[in-house]
Amino acid sequence: MSHTLAPHSIRTTREAFGLSSAQFAGALGVHPTTVSRWETSRIPAVAVEGTAWTILSSVSRRIEQDAHARSLAHAQGQRIAEALLIAGSVVALALLVDFAAERLRG
């Protein structure tokens, strides 16, 4: 089943974490071209499927609604970038899930 998100919401979420498109793609388990396509789309909402939608919708909602979460996102983004280098995308995805679940300890 496919869901949709606004391109600017996806870009804002990625930028809040301070991640490159490639890093964000690695954490979400999608190809970097997919993130680029989502963010640069001229249509008001792009199709996002599976786990990527679940994580993106939760994380973007938290960032948009919680100023404190926005301030914590960049630090979590640094952890995600490190996890991608050291442990891979599974650990990076777990960090995004942790953030989305509001269990982030600051």
PDB file of N, CA and C in Angstrom:
ATOM      1  N   MET A   1       0.842  -1.180   0.000  1.00  0.00           N
ATOM      2  CA  MET A   1       0.000   0.000   0.000  1.00  0.00           C
ATOM      3  C   MET A   1       0.890   1.246   0.000  1.00  0.00           C
ATOM      4  N   SER A   2       0.538   2.203  -0.824  1.00  0.00           N
ATOM      5  CA  SER A   2       1.318   3.422  -0.966  1.00  0.00           C
ATOM      6  C   SER A   2       0.626   4.584  -0.257  1.00  0.00           C
ATOM      7  N   HIS A   3       1.411   5.401   0.411  1.00  0.00           N
ATOM      8  CA  HIS A   3       0.931   6.606   1.085  1.00  0.00           C
ATOM      9  C   HIS A   3       1.668   7.792   0.483  1.00  0.00           C
ATOM     10  N   THR A   4       1.251   8.990   0.833  1.00  0.00           N
ATOM     11  CA  THR A   4       1.905  10.162   0.264  1.00  0.00           C
ATOM     12  C   THR A   4       2.396  11.124   1.331  1.00  0.00           C
ATOM     13  N   LEU A   5       3.435  11.870   0.966  1.00  0.00           N
ATOM     14  CA  LEU A   5       3.994  12.937   1.795  1.00  0.00           C
ATOM     15  C   LEU A   5       4.350  14.103   0.887  1.00  0.00           C
ATOM     16  N   ALA A   6       4.339  15.289   1.439  1.00  0.00           N
ATOM     17  CA  ALA A   6       4.718  16.475   0.677  1.00  0.00           C
ATOM     18  C   ALA A   6       6.230  16.505   0.497  1.00  0.00           C
ATOM     19  N   PRO A   7       6.705  16.841  -0.695  1.00  0.00           N
ATOM     20  CA  PRO A   7       8.143  16.910  -0.939  1.00  0.00           C
ATOM     21  C   PRO A   7       8.879  17.826   0.045  1.00  0.00           C
ATOM     22  N   HIS A   8       8.298  18.982   0.349  1.00  0.00           N
ATOM     23  CA  HIS A   8       8.976  19.901   1.280  1.00  0.00           C
ATOM     24  C   HIS A   8       9.071  19.314   2.684  1.00  0.00           C
ATOM     25  N   SER A   9       8.112  18.493   3.067  1.00  0.00           N
ATOM     26  CA  SER A   9       8.152  17.847   4.379  1.00  0.00           C
ATOM     27  C   SER A   9       9.298  16.844   4.455  1.00  0.00           C
ATOM     28  N   ILE A  10       9.522  16.119   3.375  1.00  0.00           N
ATOM     29  CA  ILE A  10      10.619  15.149   3.332  1.00  0.00           C
ATOM     30  C   ILE A  10      11.960  15.878   3.402  1.00  0.00           C
ATOM     31  N   ARG A  11      12.103  16.942   2.608  1.00  0.00           N
ATOM     32  CA  ARG A  11      13.354  17.710   2.622  1.00  0.00           C
ATOM     33  C   ARG A  11      13.600  18.341   4.002  1.00  0.00           C
ATOM     34  N   THR A  12      12.556  18.928   4.583  1.00  0.00           N
ATOM     35  CA  THR A  12      12.686  19.561   5.896  1.00  0.00           C
ATOM     36  C   THR A  12      13.117  18.543   6.947  1.00  0.00           C
ATOM     37  N   THR A  13      12.557  17.363   6.869  1.00  0.00           N
ATOM     38  CA  THR A  13      12.915  16.300   7.818  1.00  0.00           C
ATOM     39  C   THR A  13      14.378  15.909   7.651  1.00  0.00           C
ATOM     40  N   ARG A  14      14.802  15.668   6.413  1.00  0.00           N
ATOM     41  CA  ARG A  14      16.205  15.297   6.164  1.00  0.00           C
ATOM     42  C   ARG A  14      17.144  16.390   6.642  1.00  0.00           C
ATOM     43  N   GLU A  15      16.823  17.625   6.318  1.00  0.00           N
ATOM     44  CA  GLU A  15      17.678  18.747   6.718  1.00  0.00           C
ATOM     45  C   GLU A  15      17.716  18.926   8.233  1.00  0.00           C
ATOM     46  N   ALA A  16      16.612  18.650   8.917  1.00  0.00           N
ATOM     47  CA  ALA A  16      16.599  18.748  10.385  1.00  0.00           C
ATOM     48  C   ALA A  16      17.614  17.791  11.002  1.00  0.00           C
ATOM     49  N   PHE A  17      17.803  16.646  10.371  1.00  0.00           N
ATOM     50  CA  PHE A  17      18.784  15.669  10.848  1.00  0.00           C
ATOM     51  C   PHE A  17      20.203  15.992  10.365  1.00  0.00           C
ATOM     52  N   GLY A  18      20.317  16.920   9.442  1.00  0.00           N
ATOM     53  CA  GLY A  18      21.633  17.292   8.924  1.00  0.00           C
ATOM     54  C   GLY A  18      22.262  16.202   8.076  1.00  0.00           C
ATOM     55  N   LEU A  19      21.439  15.407   7.426  1.00  0.00           N
ATOM     56  CA  LEU A  19      21.930  14.287   6.630  1.00  0.00           C
ATOM     57  C   LEU A  19      21.906  14.624   5.146  1.00  0.00           C
ATOM     58  N   SER A  20      22.850  14.070   4.414  1.00  0.00           N
ATOM     59  CA  SER A  20      22.830  14.185   2.960  1.00  0.00           C
ATOM     60  C   SER A  20      21.702  13.289   2.438  1.00  0.00           C
ATOM     61  N   SER A  21      21.363  13.475   1.182  1.00  0.00           N
ATOM     62  CA  SER A  21      20.339  12.615   0.570  1.00  0.00           C
ATOM     63  C   SER A  21      20.766  11.152   0.617  1.00  0.00           C
ATOM     64  N   ALA A  22      22.042  10.898   0.360  1.00  0.00           N
ATOM     65  CA  ALA A  22      22.547   9.519   0.374  1.00  0.00           C
ATOM     66  C   ALA A  22      22.481   8.916   1.780  1.00  0.00           C
ATOM     67  N   GLN A  23      22.837   9.694   2.789  1.00  0.00           N
ATOM     68  CA  GLN A  23      22.761   9.195   4.164  1.00  0.00           C
ATOM     69  C   GLN A  23      21.316   8.910   4.562  1.00  0.00           C
ATOM     70  N   PHE A  24      20.432   9.836   4.239  1.00  0.00           N
ATOM     71  CA  PHE A  24      19.019   9.677   4.569  1.00  0.00           C
ATOM     72  C   PHE A  24      18.452   8.442   3.873  1.00  0.00           C
ATOM     73  N   ALA A  25      18.822   8.269   2.605  1.00  0.00           N
ATOM     74  CA  ALA A  25      18.379   7.098   1.852  1.00  0.00           C
ATOM     75  C   ALA A  25      18.879   5.814   2.508  1.00  0.00           C
ATOM     76  N   GLY A  26      20.152   5.818   2.928  1.00  0.00           N
ATOM     77  CA  GLY A  26      20.713   4.638   3.584  1.00  0.00           C
ATOM     78  C   GLY A  26      19.972   4.286   4.861  1.00  0.00           C
ATOM     79  N   ALA A  27      19.619   5.298   5.628  1.00  0.00           N
ATOM     80  CA  ALA A  27      18.903   5.058   6.887  1.00  0.00           C
ATOM     81  C   ALA A  27      17.488   4.543   6.625  1.00  0.00           C
ATOM     82  N   LEU A  28      16.862   5.010   5.546  1.00  0.00           N
ATOM     83  CA  LEU A  28      15.493   4.589   5.224  1.00  0.00           C
ATOM     84  C   LEU A  28      15.436   3.307   4.416  1.00  0.00           C
ATOM     85  N   GLY A  29      16.593   2.872   3.906  1.00  0.00           N
ATOM     86  CA  GLY A  29      16.626   1.647   3.115  1.00  0.00           C
ATOM     87  C   GLY A  29      16.100   1.832   1.697  1.00  0.00           C
ATOM     88  N   VAL A  30      16.279   3.046   1.158  1.00  0.00           N
ATOM     89  CA  VAL A  30      15.876   3.315  -0.226  1.00  0.00           C
ATOM     90  C   VAL A  30      17.094   3.805  -1.000  1.00  0.00           C
ATOM     91  N   HIS A  31      16.984   3.878  -2.308  1.00  0.00           N
ATOM     92  CA  HIS A  31      18.078   4.354  -3.147  1.00  0.00           C
ATOM     93  C   HIS A  31      18.179   5.874  -3.035  1.00  0.00           C
ATOM     94  N   PRO A  32      19.388   6.439  -3.067  1.00  0.00           N
ATOM     95  CA  PRO A  32      19.534   7.897  -3.010  1.00  0.00           C
ATOM     96  C   PRO A  32      18.735   8.646  -4.075  1.00  0.00           C
ATOM     97  N   THR A  33      18.582   8.039  -5.236  1.00  0.00           N
ATOM     98  CA  THR A  33      17.789   8.665  -6.294  1.00  0.00           C
ATOM     99  C   THR A  33      16.329   8.820  -5.870  1.00  0.00           C
ATOM    100  N   THR A  34      15.857   7.880  -5.062  1.00  0.00           N
ATOM    101  CA  THR A  34      14.479   7.943  -4.579  1.00  0.00           C
ATOM    102  C   THR A  34      14.276   9.170  -3.706  1.00  0.00           C
ATOM    103  N   VAL A  35      15.210   9.418  -2.782  1.00  0.00           N
ATOM    104  CA  VAL A  35      15.101  10.595  -1.916  1.00  0.00           C
ATOM    105  C   VAL A  35      15.128  11.859  -2.763  1.00  0.00           C
ATOM    106  N   SER A  36      16.008  11.912  -3.728  1.00  0.00           N
ATOM    107  CA  SER A  36      16.097  13.072  -4.611  1.00  0.00           C
ATOM    108  C   SER A  36      14.787  13.276  -5.368  1.00  0.00           C
ATOM    109  N   ARG A  37      14.231  12.193  -5.876  1.00  0.00           N
ATOM    110  CA  ARG A  37      12.964  12.270  -6.618  1.00  0.00           C
ATOM    111  C   ARG A  37      11.841  12.763  -5.708  1.00  0.00           C
ATOM    112  N   TRP A  38      11.780  12.247  -4.472  1.00  0.00           N
ATOM    113  CA  TRP A  38      10.760  12.699  -3.522  1.00  0.00           C
ATOM    114  C   TRP A  38      10.875  14.199  -3.270  1.00  0.00           C
ATOM    115  N   GLU A  39      12.087  14.650  -3.002  1.00  0.00           N
ATOM    116  CA  GLU A  39      12.300  16.044  -2.592  1.00  0.00           C
ATOM    117  C   GLU A  39      12.130  17.051  -3.724  1.00  0.00           C
ATOM    118  N   THR A  40      12.387  16.644  -4.942  1.00  0.00           N
ATOM    119  CA  THR A  40      12.334  17.594  -6.058  1.00  0.00           C
ATOM    120  C   THR A  40      11.056  17.490  -6.878  1.00  0.00           C
ATOM    121  N   SER A  41      10.154  16.656  -6.454  1.00  0.00           N
ATOM    122  CA  SER A  41       8.909  16.485  -7.193  1.00  0.00           C
ATOM    123  C   SER A  41       8.116  17.791  -7.231  1.00  0.00           C
ATOM    124  N   ARG A  42       7.482  18.027  -8.348  1.00  0.00           N
ATOM    125  CA  ARG A  42       6.656  19.228  -8.523  1.00  0.00           C
ATOM    126  C   ARG A  42       5.199  18.971  -8.154  1.00  0.00           C
ATOM    127  N   ILE A  43       4.868  17.725  -7.859  1.00  0.00           N
ATOM    128  CA  ILE A  43       3.499  17.429  -7.438  1.00  0.00           C
ATOM    129  C   ILE A  43       3.398  17.645  -5.927  1.00  0.00           C
ATOM    130  N   PRO A  44       2.199  17.958  -5.415  1.00  0.00           N
ATOM    131  CA  PRO A  44       2.054  18.313  -4.001  1.00  0.00           C
ATOM    132  C   PRO A  44       2.302  17.169  -3.015  1.00  0.00           C
ATOM    133  N   ALA A  45       2.181  15.931  -3.474  1.00  0.00           N
ATOM    134  CA  ALA A  45       2.402  14.792  -2.590  1.00  0.00           C
ATOM    135  C   ALA A  45       2.983  13.642  -3.404  1.00  0.00           C
ATOM    136  N   VAL A  46       4.026  13.021  -2.859  1.00  0.00           N
ATOM    137  CA  VAL A  46       4.685  11.909  -3.549  1.00  0.00           C
ATOM    138  C   VAL A  46       4.382  10.598  -2.838  1.00  0.00           C
ATOM    139  N   ALA A  47       4.358   9.521  -3.594  1.00  0.00           N
ATOM    140  CA  ALA A  47       4.104   8.196  -3.040  1.00  0.00           C
ATOM    141  C   ALA A  47       5.345   7.699  -2.304  1.00  0.00           C
ATOM    142  N   VAL A  48       5.144   7.276  -1.077  1.00  0.00           N
ATOM    143  CA  VAL A  48       6.207   6.692  -0.261  1.00  0.00           C
ATOM    144  C   VAL A  48       5.643   5.389   0.289  1.00  0.00           C
ATOM    145  N   GLU A  49       6.397   4.313   0.157  1.00  0.00           N
ATOM    146  CA  GLU A  49       5.869   3.003   0.509  1.00  0.00           C
ATOM    147  C   GLU A  49       6.581   2.365   1.686  1.00  0.00           C
ATOM    148  N   GLY A  50       5.924   1.419   2.286  1.00  0.00           N
ATOM    149  CA  GLY A  50       6.491   0.531   3.289  1.00  0.00           C
ATOM    150  C   GLY A  50       7.075   1.202   4.515  1.00  0.00           C
ATOM    151  N   THR A  51       8.196   0.663   4.939  1.00  0.00           N
ATOM    152  CA  THR A  51       8.865   1.149   6.144  1.00  0.00           C
ATOM    153  C   THR A  51       9.273   2.605   6.009  1.00  0.00           C
ATOM    154  N   ALA A  52       9.696   3.000   4.820  1.00  0.00           N
ATOM    155  CA  ALA A  52      10.103   4.395   4.607  1.00  0.00           C
ATOM    156  C   ALA A  52       8.950   5.340   4.926  1.00  0.00           C
ATOM    157  N   TRP A  53       7.728   4.996   4.507  1.00  0.00           N
ATOM    158  CA  TRP A  53       6.577   5.847   4.810  1.00  0.00           C
ATOM    159  C   TRP A  53       6.306   5.876   6.313  1.00  0.00           C
ATOM    160  N   THR A  54       6.324   4.728   6.941  1.00  0.00           N
ATOM    161  CA  THR A  54       6.048   4.655   8.372  1.00  0.00           C
ATOM    162  C   THR A  54       7.017   5.537   9.153  1.00  0.00           C
ATOM    163  N   ILE A  55       8.303   5.421   8.858  1.00  0.00           N
ATOM    164  CA  ILE A  55       9.315   6.199   9.564  1.00  0.00           C
ATOM    165  C   ILE A  55       9.214   7.674   9.199  1.00  0.00           C
ATOM    166  N   LEU A  56       9.163   7.979   7.911  1.00  0.00           N
ATOM    167  CA  LEU A  56       9.112   9.382   7.475  1.00  0.00           C
ATOM    168  C   LEU A  56       7.889  10.107   8.015  1.00  0.00           C
ATOM    169  N   SER A  57       6.737   9.483   7.970  1.00  0.00           N
ATOM    170  CA  SER A  57       5.532  10.159   8.445  1.00  0.00           C
ATOM    171  C   SER A  57       5.614  10.427   9.942  1.00  0.00           C
ATOM    172  N   SER A  58       6.129   9.479  10.706  1.00  0.00           N
ATOM    173  CA  SER A  58       6.253   9.667  12.154  1.00  0.00           C
ATOM    174  C   SER A  58       7.293  10.718  12.515  1.00  0.00           C
ATOM    175  N   VAL A  59       8.456  10.613  11.886  1.00  0.00           N
ATOM    176  CA  VAL A  59       9.551  11.540  12.185  1.00  0.00           C
ATOM    177  C   VAL A  59       9.205  12.955  11.738  1.00  0.00           C
ATOM    178  N   SER A  60       8.651  13.098  10.541  1.00  0.00           N
ATOM    179  CA  SER A  60       8.323  14.446  10.057  1.00  0.00           C
ATOM    180  C   SER A  60       7.238  15.081  10.909  1.00  0.00           C
ATOM    181  N   ARG A  61       6.259  14.301  11.340  1.00  0.00           N
ATOM    182  CA  ARG A  61       5.206  14.824  12.217  1.00  0.00           C
ATOM    183  C   ARG A  61       5.811  15.306  13.536  1.00  0.00           C
ATOM    184  N   ARG A  62       6.719  14.538  14.089  1.00  0.00           N
ATOM    185  CA  ARG A  62       7.338  14.922  15.359  1.00  0.00           C
ATOM    186  C   ARG A  62       8.145  16.211  15.202  1.00  0.00           C
ATOM    187  N   ILE A  63       8.903  16.321  14.138  1.00  0.00           N
ATOM    188  CA  ILE A  63       9.722  17.508  13.911  1.00  0.00           C
ATOM    189  C   ILE A  63       8.853  18.745  13.669  1.00  0.00           C
ATOM    190  N   GLU A  64       7.773  18.574  12.916  1.00  0.00           N
ATOM    191  CA  GLU A  64       6.900  19.706  12.611  1.00  0.00           C
ATOM    192  C   GLU A  64       6.112  20.178  13.827  1.00  0.00           C
ATOM    193  N   GLN A  65       5.804  19.290  14.751  1.00  0.00           N
ATOM    194  CA  GLN A  65       4.942  19.636  15.874  1.00  0.00           C
ATOM    195  C   GLN A  65       5.675  19.915  17.179  1.00  0.00           C
ATOM    196  N   ASP A  66       6.955  19.627  17.252  1.00  0.00           N
ATOM    197  CA  ASP A  66       7.670  19.714  18.523  1.00  0.00           C
ATOM    198  C   ASP A  66       9.007  20.439  18.342  1.00  0.00           C
ATOM    199  N   ALA A  67       9.078  21.665  18.843  1.00  0.00           N
ATOM    200  CA  ALA A  67      10.303  22.465  18.708  1.00  0.00           C
ATOM    201  C   ALA A  67      11.486  21.775  19.384  1.00  0.00           C
ATOM    202  N   HIS A  68      11.249  21.127  20.500  1.00  0.00           N
ATOM    203  CA  HIS A  68      12.326  20.422  21.198  1.00  0.00           C
ATOM    204  C   HIS A  68      12.860  19.276  20.336  1.00  0.00           C
ATOM    205  N   ALA A  69      11.964  18.581  19.655  1.00  0.00           N
ATOM    206  CA  ALA A  69      12.384  17.491  18.766  1.00  0.00           C
ATOM    207  C   ALA A  69      13.250  18.025  17.636  1.00  0.00           C
ATOM    208  N   ARG A  70      12.901  19.200  17.104  1.00  0.00           N
ATOM    209  CA  ARG A  70      13.715  19.802  16.041  1.00  0.00           C
ATOM    210  C   ARG A  70      15.128  20.057  16.529  1.00  0.00           C
ATOM    211  N   SER A  71      15.258  20.500  17.789  1.00  0.00           N
ATOM    212  CA  SER A  71      16.597  20.775  18.312  1.00  0.00           C
ATOM    213  C   SER A  71      17.375  19.478  18.563  1.00  0.00           C
ATOM    214  N   LEU A  72      16.695  18.403  18.829  1.00  0.00           N
ATOM    215  CA  LEU A  72      17.354  17.117  19.071  1.00  0.00           C
ATOM    216  C   LEU A  72      17.678  16.364  17.779  1.00  0.00           C
ATOM    217  N   ALA A  73      16.981  16.699  16.707  1.00  0.00           N
ATOM    218  CA  ALA A  73      17.120  15.952  15.459  1.00  0.00           C
ATOM    219  C   ALA A  73      18.538  15.988  14.910  1.00  0.00           C
ATOM    220  N   HIS A  74      19.190  17.133  14.976  1.00  0.00           N
ATOM    221  CA  HIS A  74      20.534  17.231  14.407  1.00  0.00           C
ATOM    222  C   HIS A  74      21.512  16.305  15.143  1.00  0.00           C
ATOM    223  N   ALA A  75      21.428  16.277  16.463  1.00  0.00           N
ATOM    224  CA  ALA A  75      22.302  15.378  17.235  1.00  0.00           C
ATOM    225  C   ALA A  75      22.022  13.921  16.874  1.00  0.00           C
ATOM    226  N   GLN A  76      20.760  13.587  16.701  1.00  0.00           N
ATOM    227  CA  GLN A  76      20.416  12.219  16.317  1.00  0.00           C
ATOM    228  C   GLN A  76      20.915  11.943  14.898  1.00  0.00           C
ATOM    229  N   GLY A  77      20.885  12.961  14.046  1.00  0.00           N
ATOM    230  CA  GLY A  77      21.403  12.812  12.691  1.00  0.00           C
ATOM    231  C   GLY A  77      22.878  12.470  12.685  1.00  0.00           C
ATOM    232  N   GLN A  78      23.639  13.059  13.596  1.00  0.00           N
ATOM    233  CA  GLN A  78      25.064  12.733  13.701  1.00  0.00           C
ATOM    234  C   GLN A  78      25.245  11.275  14.102  1.00  0.00           C
ATOM    235  N   ARG A  79      24.400  10.795  15.015  1.00  0.00           N
ATOM    236  CA  ARG A  79      24.468   9.385  15.420  1.00  0.00           C
ATOM    237  C   ARG A  79      24.113   8.473  14.246  1.00  0.00           C
ATOM    238  N   ILE A  80      23.118   8.890  13.474  1.00  0.00           N
ATOM    239  CA  ILE A  80      22.704   8.095  12.312  1.00  0.00           C
ATOM    240  C   ILE A  80      23.838   8.033  11.291  1.00  0.00           C
ATOM    241  N   ALA A  81      24.473   9.162  11.014  1.00  0.00           N
ATOM    242  CA  ALA A  81      25.589   9.195  10.063  1.00  0.00           C
ATOM    243  C   ALA A  81      26.722   8.286  10.534  1.00  0.00           C
ATOM    244  N   GLU A  82      27.036   8.313  11.814  1.00  0.00           N
ATOM    245  CA  GLU A  82      28.076   7.441  12.364  1.00  0.00           C
ATOM    246  C   GLU A  82      27.672   5.977  12.253  1.00  0.00           C
ATOM    247  N   ALA A  83      26.406   5.692  12.552  1.00  0.00           N
ATOM    248  CA  ALA A  83      25.923   4.309  12.471  1.00  0.00           C
ATOM    249  C   ALA A  83      26.015   3.784  11.042  1.00  0.00           C
ATOM    250  N   LEU A  84      25.725   4.630  10.071  1.00  0.00           N
ATOM    251  CA  LEU A  84      25.834   4.203   8.671  1.00  0.00           C
ATOM    252  C   LEU A  84      27.262   3.808   8.326  1.00  0.00           C
ATOM    253  N   LEU A  85      28.223   4.543   8.860  1.00  0.00           N
ATOM    254  CA  LEU A  85      29.628   4.243   8.579  1.00  0.00           C
ATOM    255  C   LEU A  85      30.107   2.991   9.303  1.00  0.00           C
ATOM    256  N   ILE A  86      29.674   2.820  10.529  1.00  0.00           N
ATOM    257  CA  ILE A  86      30.202   1.751  11.371  1.00  0.00           C
ATOM    258  C   ILE A  86      29.364   0.477  11.309  1.00  0.00           C
ATOM    259  N   ALA A  87      28.049   0.621  11.470  1.00  0.00           N
ATOM    260  CA  ALA A  87      27.207  -0.559  11.631  1.00  0.00           C
ATOM    261  C   ALA A  87      26.240  -0.801  10.484  1.00  0.00           C
ATOM    262  N   GLY A  88      25.996   0.168   9.656  1.00  0.00           N
ATOM    263  CA  GLY A  88      25.115  -0.029   8.512  1.00  0.00           C
ATOM    264  C   GLY A  88      23.711   0.509   8.697  1.00  0.00           C
ATOM    265  N   SER A  89      22.906   0.228   7.703  1.00  0.00           N
ATOM    266  CA  SER A  89      21.583   0.838   7.637  1.00  0.00           C
ATOM    267  C   SER A  89      20.603   0.305   8.677  1.00  0.00           C
ATOM    268  N   VAL A  90      20.776  -0.911   9.155  1.00  0.00           N
ATOM    269  CA  VAL A  90      19.846  -1.451  10.150  1.00  0.00           C
ATOM    270  C   VAL A  90      19.931  -0.648  11.445  1.00  0.00           C
ATOM    271  N   VAL A  91      21.129  -0.340  11.887  1.00  0.00           N
ATOM    272  CA  VAL A  91      21.309   0.451  13.103  1.00  0.00           C
ATOM    273  C   VAL A  91      20.825   1.885  12.874  1.00  0.00           C
ATOM    274  N   ALA A  92      21.120   2.445  11.709  1.00  0.00           N
ATOM    275  CA  ALA A  92      20.662   3.797  11.390  1.00  0.00           C
ATOM    276  C   ALA A  92      19.141   3.864  11.390  1.00  0.00           C
ATOM    277  N   LEU A  93      18.494   2.864  10.819  1.00  0.00           N
ATOM    278  CA  LEU A  93      17.037   2.807  10.816  1.00  0.00           C
ATOM    279  C   LEU A  93      16.504   2.700  12.241  1.00  0.00           C
ATOM    280  N   ALA A  94      17.154   1.915  13.073  1.00  0.00           N
ATOM    281  CA  ALA A  94      16.731   1.792  14.472  1.00  0.00           C
ATOM    282  C   ALA A  94      16.805   3.140  15.185  1.00  0.00           C
ATOM    283  N   LEU A  95      17.812   3.945  14.876  1.00  0.00           N
ATOM    284  CA  LEU A  95      17.919   5.270  15.474  1.00  0.00           C
ATOM    285  C   LEU A  95      16.787   6.181  15.020  1.00  0.00           C
ATOM    286  N   LEU A  96      16.391   6.091  13.761  1.00  0.00           N
ATOM    287  CA  LEU A  96      15.252   6.865  13.278  1.00  0.00           C
ATOM    288  C   LEU A  96      13.960   6.413  13.958  1.00  0.00           C
ATOM    289  N   VAL A  97      13.791   5.114  14.102  1.00  0.00           N
ATOM    290  CA  VAL A  97      12.604   4.578  14.781  1.00  0.00           C
ATOM    291  C   VAL A  97      12.570   5.063  16.227  1.00  0.00           C
ATOM    292  N   ASP A  98      13.710   5.038  16.888  1.00  0.00           N
ATOM    293  CA  ASP A  98      13.792   5.506  18.263  1.00  0.00           C
ATOM    294  C   ASP A  98      13.367   6.975  18.355  1.00  0.00           C
ATOM    295  N   PHE A  99      13.828   7.777  17.427  1.00  0.00           N
ATOM    296  CA  PHE A  99      13.457   9.191  17.406  1.00  0.00           C
ATOM    297  C   PHE A  99      11.960   9.342  17.164  1.00  0.00           C
ATOM    298  N   ALA A 100      11.437   8.601  16.218  1.00  0.00           N
ATOM    299  CA  ALA A 100      10.012   8.683  15.895  1.00  0.00           C
ATOM    300  C   ALA A 100       9.145   8.267  17.084  1.00  0.00           C
ATOM    301  N   ALA A 101       9.655   7.332  17.856  1.00  0.00           N
ATOM    302  CA  ALA A 101       8.896   6.829  19.006  1.00  0.00           C
ATOM    303  C   ALA A 101       9.026   7.707  20.235  1.00  0.00           C
ATOM    304  N   GLU A 102       9.738   8.803  20.114  1.00  0.00           N
ATOM    305  CA  GLU A 102       9.932   9.773  21.192  1.00  0.00           C
ATOM    306  C   GLU A 102      10.635   9.184  22.405  1.00  0.00           C
ATOM    307  N   ARG A 103      11.498   8.223  22.157  1.00  0.00           N
ATOM    308  CA  ARG A 103      12.270   7.656  23.253  1.00  0.00           C
ATOM    309  C   ARG A 103      13.683   8.201  23.276  1.00  0.00           C
ATOM    310  N   LEU A 104      13.909   9.264  22.501  1.00  0.00           N
ATOM    311  CA  LEU A 104      15.232   9.863  22.424  1.00  0.00           C
ATOM    312  C   LEU A 104      15.595  10.477  23.768  1.00  0.00           C
ATOM    313  N   ARG A 105      16.748  10.097  24.252  1.00  0.00           N
ATOM    314  CA  ARG A 105      17.217  10.642  25.519  1.00  0.00           C
ATOM    315  C   ARG A 105      18.226  11.729  25.199  1.00  0.00           C
ATOM    316  N   GLY A 106      17.940  12.946  25.568  1.00  0.00           N
ATOM    317  CA  GLY A 106      18.811  14.063  25.215  1.00  0.00           C
ATOM    318  C   GLY A 106      19.673  14.414  26.325  1.00  0.00           C
TER     319      GLY A 106
END
